[in-house]
N, C-alpha and C. Protein backbone atom coordinates (compact mmCIF):
# COMPACT_ATOMS: atom_id res chain seq x y z
N MET A 1 191.92 94.88 146.90
CA MET A 1 190.78 95.74 147.12
C MET A 1 189.52 94.97 146.76
N ASP A 2 188.50 95.06 147.59
CA ASP A 2 187.23 94.38 147.35
C ASP A 2 186.43 95.18 146.33
N MET A 3 186.11 94.56 145.21
CA MET A 3 185.36 95.23 144.14
C MET A 3 183.90 94.82 144.14
N GLY A 4 183.42 94.27 145.22
CA GLY A 4 182.02 93.90 145.32
C GLY A 4 181.65 92.78 144.36
N GLY A 5 182.54 91.86 144.13
CA GLY A 5 182.26 90.75 143.24
C GLY A 5 182.50 91.05 141.78
N HIS A 6 182.95 92.24 141.45
CA HIS A 6 183.21 92.61 140.06
C HIS A 6 184.70 92.55 139.79
N ASP A 7 185.07 91.81 138.80
CA ASP A 7 186.47 91.70 138.42
C ASP A 7 186.73 92.67 137.27
N MET A 8 187.72 93.48 137.41
CA MET A 8 188.06 94.46 136.37
C MET A 8 188.85 93.83 135.24
N GLY A 9 189.12 92.56 135.33
CA GLY A 9 189.78 91.85 134.24
C GLY A 9 191.17 92.34 133.95
N GLY A 10 191.87 92.81 134.94
CA GLY A 10 193.24 93.26 134.74
C GLY A 10 193.34 94.54 133.93
N MET A 11 192.28 95.36 133.94
CA MET A 11 192.32 96.61 133.19
C MET A 11 193.31 97.56 133.82
N SER A 12 194.10 98.17 133.01
CA SER A 12 195.02 99.18 133.50
C SER A 12 194.61 100.52 132.91
N PRO A 13 194.96 101.61 133.59
CA PRO A 13 194.61 102.92 133.04
C PRO A 13 195.34 103.16 131.73
N PRO A 14 194.78 103.99 130.85
CA PRO A 14 195.44 104.25 129.57
C PRO A 14 196.77 104.94 129.78
N ALA A 15 197.64 104.77 128.84
CA ALA A 15 198.94 105.42 128.91
C ALA A 15 198.75 106.93 128.88
N ALA A 16 199.66 107.65 129.51
CA ALA A 16 199.52 109.10 129.65
C ALA A 16 199.48 109.79 128.30
N GLY A 17 200.18 109.30 127.32
CA GLY A 17 200.22 109.96 126.03
C GLY A 17 199.13 109.53 125.07
N ALA A 18 198.28 108.59 125.44
CA ALA A 18 197.27 108.07 124.51
C ALA A 18 196.27 109.14 124.10
N ALA A 19 195.81 109.93 125.06
CA ALA A 19 194.83 110.97 124.73
C ALA A 19 195.47 112.06 123.89
N ALA A 20 196.72 112.37 124.19
CA ALA A 20 197.40 113.43 123.45
C ALA A 20 197.69 113.01 122.01
N GLN A 21 197.79 111.69 121.76
CA GLN A 21 198.09 111.20 120.43
C GLN A 21 196.83 110.83 119.66
N GLY A 22 195.66 111.16 120.18
CA GLY A 22 194.42 110.87 119.46
C GLY A 22 193.96 109.46 119.67
N GLY A 23 194.16 108.91 120.83
CA GLY A 23 193.77 107.55 121.13
C GLY A 23 192.27 107.34 121.09
N MET A 24 191.49 108.38 121.03
CA MET A 24 190.03 108.25 121.02
C MET A 24 189.46 108.34 119.61
N GLY A 25 190.26 108.21 118.60
CA GLY A 25 189.75 108.21 117.23
C GLY A 25 189.30 109.59 116.79
N ALA A 26 187.99 109.85 116.86
CA ALA A 26 187.43 111.12 116.38
C ALA A 26 187.85 112.29 117.25
N MET A 27 188.29 112.04 118.47
CA MET A 27 188.69 113.13 119.35
C MET A 27 189.87 113.90 118.77
N LYS A 28 190.64 113.29 117.90
CA LYS A 28 191.82 113.93 117.35
C LYS A 28 191.46 115.17 116.54
N SER A 29 190.33 115.14 115.84
CA SER A 29 189.96 116.25 114.97
C SER A 29 189.09 117.29 115.66
N MET A 30 188.73 117.09 116.91
CA MET A 30 187.87 118.06 117.60
C MET A 30 188.66 119.30 117.98
N ARG A 31 188.02 120.46 117.86
CA ARG A 31 188.63 121.71 118.27
C ARG A 31 188.04 122.15 119.59
N TYR A 32 188.74 123.06 120.24
CA TYR A 32 188.31 123.57 121.52
C TYR A 32 187.12 124.51 121.34
N THR A 33 186.09 124.35 122.14
CA THR A 33 184.94 125.23 122.13
C THR A 33 184.95 126.04 123.41
N HIS A 34 184.84 127.35 123.28
CA HIS A 34 184.84 128.22 124.45
C HIS A 34 183.56 128.04 125.24
N MET A 35 183.68 128.02 126.55
CA MET A 35 182.51 127.96 127.42
C MET A 35 182.41 129.21 128.28
N THR A 36 183.25 130.19 128.02
CA THR A 36 183.19 131.50 128.65
C THR A 36 183.37 132.54 127.55
N PHE A 37 182.95 133.77 127.81
CA PHE A 37 183.09 134.80 126.79
C PHE A 37 184.56 135.07 126.52
N PHE A 38 184.87 135.29 125.27
CA PHE A 38 186.22 135.67 124.87
C PHE A 38 186.10 136.78 123.84
N TRP A 39 187.17 137.54 123.69
CA TRP A 39 187.19 138.66 122.77
C TRP A 39 188.21 138.37 121.69
N GLY A 40 187.84 138.57 120.48
CA GLY A 40 188.76 138.38 119.37
C GLY A 40 188.03 137.97 118.11
N LYS A 41 188.72 138.14 116.99
CA LYS A 41 188.10 137.84 115.70
C LYS A 41 188.27 136.39 115.29
N ASN A 42 189.15 135.67 115.92
CA ASN A 42 189.39 134.27 115.57
C ASN A 42 188.37 133.39 116.26
N SER A 43 187.29 133.10 115.56
CA SER A 43 186.21 132.32 116.18
C SER A 43 185.43 131.60 115.09
N GLU A 44 184.46 130.83 115.53
CA GLU A 44 183.52 130.18 114.63
C GLU A 44 182.12 130.59 115.05
N VAL A 45 181.35 131.10 114.11
CA VAL A 45 179.99 131.54 114.38
C VAL A 45 179.08 130.81 113.40
N LEU A 46 178.27 129.92 113.90
CA LEU A 46 177.28 129.16 113.16
C LEU A 46 177.84 128.05 112.28
N PHE A 47 178.91 128.28 111.56
CA PHE A 47 179.41 127.29 110.61
C PHE A 47 180.88 127.00 110.88
N THR A 48 181.31 125.80 110.54
CA THR A 48 182.70 125.41 110.74
C THR A 48 183.62 126.32 109.94
N MET A 49 184.63 126.81 110.60
CA MET A 49 185.67 127.67 110.01
C MET A 49 185.13 129.00 109.49
N TRP A 50 183.96 129.43 109.96
CA TRP A 50 183.45 130.75 109.56
C TRP A 50 183.20 131.58 110.79
N PRO A 51 183.73 132.72 110.93
CA PRO A 51 184.55 133.47 109.99
C PRO A 51 186.02 133.09 109.99
N GLY A 52 186.45 132.22 110.88
CA GLY A 52 187.85 131.81 110.88
C GLY A 52 188.75 132.89 111.43
N THR A 53 189.86 133.13 110.76
CA THR A 53 190.84 134.11 111.24
C THR A 53 190.84 135.38 110.41
N ARG A 54 189.95 135.50 109.46
CA ARG A 54 189.92 136.66 108.57
C ARG A 54 189.07 137.77 109.18
N GLY A 55 189.64 138.95 109.30
CA GLY A 55 188.95 140.08 109.91
C GLY A 55 187.72 140.52 109.14
N GLY A 56 187.80 140.50 107.81
CA GLY A 56 186.65 140.89 106.99
C GLY A 56 185.48 139.94 107.15
N MET A 57 185.77 138.67 107.25
CA MET A 57 184.70 137.69 107.45
C MET A 57 184.11 137.81 108.85
N TYR A 58 184.94 138.17 109.83
CA TYR A 58 184.42 138.40 111.18
C TYR A 58 183.47 139.59 111.17
N ALA A 59 183.84 140.66 110.46
CA ALA A 59 182.96 141.83 110.36
C ALA A 59 181.65 141.44 109.67
N LEU A 60 181.72 140.61 108.64
CA LEU A 60 180.51 140.14 107.97
C LEU A 60 179.65 139.31 108.92
N ALA A 61 180.28 138.48 109.74
CA ALA A 61 179.53 137.68 110.72
C ALA A 61 178.82 138.59 111.72
N LEU A 62 179.49 139.66 112.15
CA LEU A 62 178.86 140.60 113.09
C LEU A 62 177.67 141.31 112.43
N ILE A 63 177.81 141.70 111.18
CA ILE A 63 176.70 142.34 110.46
C ILE A 63 175.54 141.35 110.31
N PHE A 64 175.84 140.10 110.03
CA PHE A 64 174.82 139.07 109.89
C PHE A 64 174.06 138.87 111.20
N VAL A 65 174.78 138.80 112.31
CA VAL A 65 174.13 138.62 113.62
C VAL A 65 173.28 139.85 113.96
N PHE A 66 173.79 141.04 113.68
CA PHE A 66 173.02 142.27 113.90
C PHE A 66 171.71 142.23 113.11
N ALA A 67 171.81 141.84 111.84
CA ALA A 67 170.61 141.76 110.98
C ALA A 67 169.63 140.71 111.50
N LEU A 68 170.12 139.58 111.98
CA LEU A 68 169.23 138.56 112.54
C LEU A 68 168.44 139.12 113.72
N ALA A 69 169.11 139.87 114.59
CA ALA A 69 168.43 140.43 115.75
C ALA A 69 167.38 141.45 115.34
N VAL A 70 167.68 142.28 114.35
CA VAL A 70 166.70 143.26 113.86
C VAL A 70 165.50 142.53 113.25
N ILE A 71 165.76 141.47 112.50
CA ILE A 71 164.67 140.69 111.88
C ILE A 71 163.78 140.07 112.93
N VAL A 72 164.38 139.54 114.00
CA VAL A 72 163.57 138.96 115.09
C VAL A 72 162.66 140.02 115.68
N GLU A 73 163.16 141.23 115.89
CA GLU A 73 162.33 142.30 116.45
C GLU A 73 161.22 142.71 115.48
N PHE A 74 161.53 142.77 114.19
CA PHE A 74 160.49 143.13 113.22
C PHE A 74 159.39 142.08 113.19
N LEU A 75 159.79 140.81 113.11
CA LEU A 75 158.79 139.75 113.01
C LEU A 75 157.97 139.61 114.28
N GLY A 76 158.48 140.08 115.41
CA GLY A 76 157.73 140.04 116.66
C GLY A 76 156.91 141.29 116.92
N SER A 77 156.98 142.26 116.01
CA SER A 77 156.25 143.51 116.23
C SER A 77 154.85 143.44 115.64
N ARG A 78 154.04 144.38 116.03
CA ARG A 78 152.69 144.46 115.48
C ARG A 78 152.71 144.96 114.04
N ARG A 79 153.80 145.59 113.65
CA ARG A 79 153.90 146.06 112.27
C ARG A 79 153.90 144.88 111.30
N ALA A 80 154.55 143.78 111.69
CA ALA A 80 154.52 142.58 110.85
C ALA A 80 153.10 142.03 110.77
N ASP A 81 152.37 142.06 111.90
CA ASP A 81 150.97 141.61 111.88
C ASP A 81 150.11 142.52 111.01
N ALA A 82 150.38 143.81 111.03
CA ALA A 82 149.58 144.75 110.23
C ALA A 82 149.76 144.48 108.74
N CYS A 83 150.93 144.02 108.35
CA CYS A 83 151.16 143.68 106.94
C CYS A 83 150.28 142.52 106.49
N LEU A 84 149.93 141.64 107.43
CA LEU A 84 149.12 140.47 107.09
C LEU A 84 147.63 140.67 107.35
N ALA A 85 147.26 141.81 107.94
CA ALA A 85 145.86 142.03 108.32
C ALA A 85 144.93 142.06 107.11
N ALA A 86 145.36 142.69 106.03
CA ALA A 86 144.51 142.77 104.84
C ALA A 86 144.25 141.38 104.27
N LEU A 87 145.26 140.56 104.26
CA LEU A 87 145.09 139.19 103.78
C LEU A 87 144.15 138.41 104.68
N ALA A 88 144.26 138.61 105.97
CA ALA A 88 143.40 137.89 106.92
C ALA A 88 141.94 138.30 106.77
N ARG A 89 141.69 139.57 106.40
CA ARG A 89 140.30 140.01 106.21
C ARG A 89 139.69 139.40 104.95
N ARG A 90 140.49 139.30 103.90
CA ARG A 90 139.98 138.74 102.64
C ARG A 90 139.83 137.23 102.70
N ALA A 91 140.80 136.56 103.27
CA ALA A 91 140.79 135.09 103.33
C ALA A 91 141.33 134.66 104.69
N PRO A 92 140.43 134.41 105.65
CA PRO A 92 140.89 134.09 107.00
C PRO A 92 141.82 132.88 107.08
N ALA A 93 141.55 131.85 106.30
CA ALA A 93 142.42 130.67 106.35
C ALA A 93 143.82 131.00 105.83
N ALA A 94 143.87 131.72 104.72
CA ALA A 94 145.17 132.10 104.16
C ALA A 94 145.90 133.06 105.11
N GLY A 95 145.14 133.96 105.74
CA GLY A 95 145.74 134.87 106.71
C GLY A 95 146.32 134.12 107.91
N GLY A 96 145.58 133.12 108.37
CA GLY A 96 146.08 132.31 109.48
C GLY A 96 147.34 131.55 109.10
N LEU A 97 147.35 130.99 107.88
CA LEU A 97 148.55 130.29 107.42
C LEU A 97 149.73 131.24 107.28
N ALA A 98 149.47 132.45 106.79
CA ALA A 98 150.55 133.43 106.64
C ALA A 98 151.11 133.82 108.01
N ARG A 99 150.22 134.03 108.98
CA ARG A 99 150.70 134.36 110.33
C ARG A 99 151.49 133.21 110.94
N ALA A 100 151.04 131.98 110.70
CA ALA A 100 151.78 130.82 111.20
C ALA A 100 153.15 130.74 110.53
N ALA A 101 153.21 131.06 109.25
CA ALA A 101 154.50 131.04 108.54
C ALA A 101 155.44 132.11 109.09
N VAL A 102 154.91 133.31 109.34
CA VAL A 102 155.73 134.39 109.90
C VAL A 102 156.22 133.99 111.29
N HIS A 103 155.35 133.39 112.09
CA HIS A 103 155.75 132.94 113.42
C HIS A 103 156.86 131.88 113.32
N THR A 104 156.71 130.95 112.39
CA THR A 104 157.72 129.91 112.20
C THR A 104 159.06 130.50 111.80
N VAL A 105 159.04 131.46 110.89
CA VAL A 105 160.28 132.11 110.48
C VAL A 105 160.90 132.87 111.66
N ARG A 106 160.07 133.56 112.45
CA ARG A 106 160.58 134.31 113.60
C ARG A 106 161.26 133.38 114.59
N VAL A 107 160.63 132.25 114.89
CA VAL A 107 161.22 131.31 115.84
C VAL A 107 162.51 130.71 115.27
N GLY A 108 162.50 130.39 113.98
CA GLY A 108 163.71 129.85 113.35
C GLY A 108 164.86 130.83 113.39
N VAL A 109 164.58 132.10 113.09
CA VAL A 109 165.63 133.13 113.13
C VAL A 109 166.11 133.34 114.57
N ALA A 110 165.19 133.30 115.53
CA ALA A 110 165.58 133.45 116.94
C ALA A 110 166.48 132.30 117.37
N TYR A 111 166.18 131.08 116.95
CA TYR A 111 167.04 129.94 117.28
C TYR A 111 168.41 130.07 116.61
N LEU A 112 168.43 130.55 115.37
CA LEU A 112 169.69 130.76 114.68
C LEU A 112 170.54 131.80 115.42
N LEU A 113 169.89 132.86 115.89
CA LEU A 113 170.58 133.88 116.67
C LEU A 113 171.12 133.30 117.97
N MET A 114 170.32 132.45 118.62
CA MET A 114 170.78 131.82 119.85
C MET A 114 172.01 130.95 119.59
N LEU A 115 172.01 130.22 118.48
CA LEU A 115 173.17 129.40 118.15
C LEU A 115 174.41 130.26 117.88
N ALA A 116 174.23 131.42 117.26
CA ALA A 116 175.35 132.33 117.04
C ALA A 116 175.91 132.82 118.38
N LEU A 117 175.02 133.09 119.32
CA LEU A 117 175.47 133.55 120.64
C LEU A 117 176.22 132.45 121.39
N MET A 118 175.95 131.21 121.05
CA MET A 118 176.64 130.11 121.72
C MET A 118 178.10 129.99 121.29
N SER A 119 178.55 130.86 120.39
CA SER A 119 179.98 130.92 120.07
C SER A 119 180.75 131.55 121.22
N PHE A 120 180.05 132.21 122.14
CA PHE A 120 180.62 132.87 123.31
C PHE A 120 181.62 133.95 122.94
N ASN A 121 181.47 134.52 121.76
CA ASN A 121 182.31 135.63 121.34
C ASN A 121 181.68 136.92 121.85
N GLY A 122 182.46 137.74 122.54
CA GLY A 122 181.94 138.98 123.11
C GLY A 122 181.41 139.94 122.07
N GLY A 123 182.07 140.02 120.92
CA GLY A 123 181.60 140.90 119.85
C GLY A 123 180.26 140.45 119.30
N VAL A 124 180.07 139.16 119.15
CA VAL A 124 178.79 138.62 118.67
C VAL A 124 177.69 138.96 119.66
N PHE A 125 177.98 138.83 120.95
CA PHE A 125 176.99 139.16 121.98
C PHE A 125 176.61 140.64 121.91
N LEU A 126 177.61 141.52 121.80
CA LEU A 126 177.32 142.95 121.77
C LEU A 126 176.51 143.35 120.55
N VAL A 127 176.83 142.82 119.37
CA VAL A 127 176.06 143.21 118.18
C VAL A 127 174.66 142.60 118.21
N ALA A 128 174.48 141.45 118.85
CA ALA A 128 173.13 140.88 118.98
C ALA A 128 172.27 141.78 119.86
N VAL A 129 172.82 142.24 120.97
CA VAL A 129 172.08 143.15 121.85
C VAL A 129 171.80 144.47 121.12
N ALA A 130 172.80 144.98 120.40
CA ALA A 130 172.60 146.22 119.64
C ALA A 130 171.55 146.03 118.55
N GLY A 131 171.52 144.89 117.91
CA GLY A 131 170.51 144.61 116.89
C GLY A 131 169.11 144.56 117.47
N HIS A 132 168.97 143.95 118.64
CA HIS A 132 167.66 143.93 119.30
C HIS A 132 167.24 145.35 119.68
N ALA A 133 168.18 146.15 120.17
CA ALA A 133 167.85 147.53 120.53
C ALA A 133 167.45 148.33 119.30
N ALA A 134 168.19 148.19 118.21
CA ALA A 134 167.86 148.92 116.98
C ALA A 134 166.51 148.46 116.43
N GLY A 135 166.25 147.17 116.45
CA GLY A 135 164.97 146.65 115.98
C GLY A 135 163.82 147.13 116.83
N PHE A 136 164.03 147.18 118.14
CA PHE A 136 162.99 147.68 119.04
C PHE A 136 162.71 149.15 118.75
N LEU A 137 163.78 149.94 118.63
CA LEU A 137 163.59 151.37 118.34
C LEU A 137 162.88 151.58 117.01
N ALA A 138 163.23 150.78 116.03
CA ALA A 138 162.66 150.96 114.69
C ALA A 138 161.22 150.49 114.60
N PHE A 139 160.89 149.35 115.21
CA PHE A 139 159.60 148.73 114.95
C PHE A 139 158.63 148.75 116.12
N ARG A 140 159.11 149.01 117.31
CA ARG A 140 158.20 149.02 118.46
C ARG A 140 158.12 150.36 119.15
N ALA A 141 159.19 151.14 119.09
CA ALA A 141 159.19 152.43 119.77
C ALA A 141 158.73 153.56 118.87
N GLY A 142 158.43 153.28 117.62
CA GLY A 142 157.89 154.29 116.72
C GLY A 142 158.93 155.19 116.10
N LEU A 143 160.19 154.79 116.08
CA LEU A 143 161.24 155.64 115.54
C LEU A 143 161.17 155.76 114.01
N CYS A 144 160.62 154.75 113.35
CA CYS A 144 160.55 154.76 111.87
C CYS A 144 159.22 155.27 111.36
N GLY A 145 158.62 156.22 112.01
CA GLY A 145 157.42 156.85 111.51
C GLY A 145 156.11 156.29 111.99
N GLY A 146 156.08 155.05 112.40
CA GLY A 146 154.84 154.46 112.88
C GLY A 146 154.60 154.81 114.34
N PRO A 147 153.39 154.55 114.82
CA PRO A 147 153.12 154.81 116.23
C PRO A 147 153.87 153.82 117.12
N ALA A 148 154.16 154.25 118.33
CA ALA A 148 154.84 153.36 119.27
C ALA A 148 153.92 152.20 119.62
N GLN A 149 154.51 151.04 119.73
CA GLN A 149 153.74 149.84 120.11
C GLN A 149 153.57 149.87 121.62
N VAL A 150 152.36 150.17 122.05
CA VAL A 150 152.08 150.30 123.48
C VAL A 150 151.65 148.95 124.01
N GLU A 151 152.22 148.58 125.14
CA GLU A 151 151.81 147.33 125.77
C GLU A 151 150.39 147.47 126.28
N GLU A 152 149.65 146.37 126.23
CA GLU A 152 148.28 146.40 126.73
C GLU A 152 148.25 146.69 128.23
N ASP A 153 147.11 147.14 128.68
CA ASP A 153 146.92 147.41 130.10
C ASP A 153 147.12 146.11 130.88
N ARG A 154 147.98 146.13 131.85
CA ARG A 154 148.32 144.90 132.57
C ARG A 154 147.70 144.85 133.96
N LYS A 155 146.66 145.61 134.20
CA LYS A 155 146.02 145.57 135.51
C LYS A 155 145.41 144.21 135.80
N ASN A 156 144.92 143.55 134.77
CA ASN A 156 144.28 142.26 134.97
C ASN A 156 145.25 141.09 134.84
N ASP A 157 146.51 141.38 134.65
CA ASP A 157 147.51 140.32 134.54
C ASP A 157 147.70 139.68 135.91
N PRO A 158 147.52 138.35 136.03
CA PRO A 158 147.64 137.72 137.34
C PRO A 158 149.04 137.81 137.92
N ALA A 159 150.06 138.02 137.08
CA ALA A 159 151.42 138.12 137.60
C ALA A 159 151.73 139.52 138.11
N CYS A 160 150.86 140.47 137.82
CA CYS A 160 151.08 141.85 138.24
C CYS A 160 150.60 142.05 139.67
N CYS A 161 151.38 142.76 140.44
CA CYS A 161 151.01 142.98 141.85
C CYS A 161 150.23 144.25 142.02
């Protein structure tokens, strides 16, 4: 066979059992990662071997993901901004730094939530959506005593038809 001037140096394909016996060194210790949704408590969410195969730890992981989603909704609401408004009036620089810190925490928590969702566990997905819904109801829809967070008038929005 003409190899275009390149000699393969007598390379032969690896033996059939080489990959199965860990012929790639570090590949031997790698575990399978799901790339489609699956249902079950035996999974890893955020950390190696957590929650593992223990049902109680899986329930704790679901509660943790739910809480992360609620926190993301709170930090993205105007109620979080209202907590910092008094500080911003007294010391604008400190208020700006506080708002930047809250924004940084919100983005960090959102990324952590995204990484939890990358476990592709169906239960994790459902509790994340439920956490966002609960956070929205609590902090944006006015369910917890405050006024509903009304979106601004979008007539002047260039994306609006």
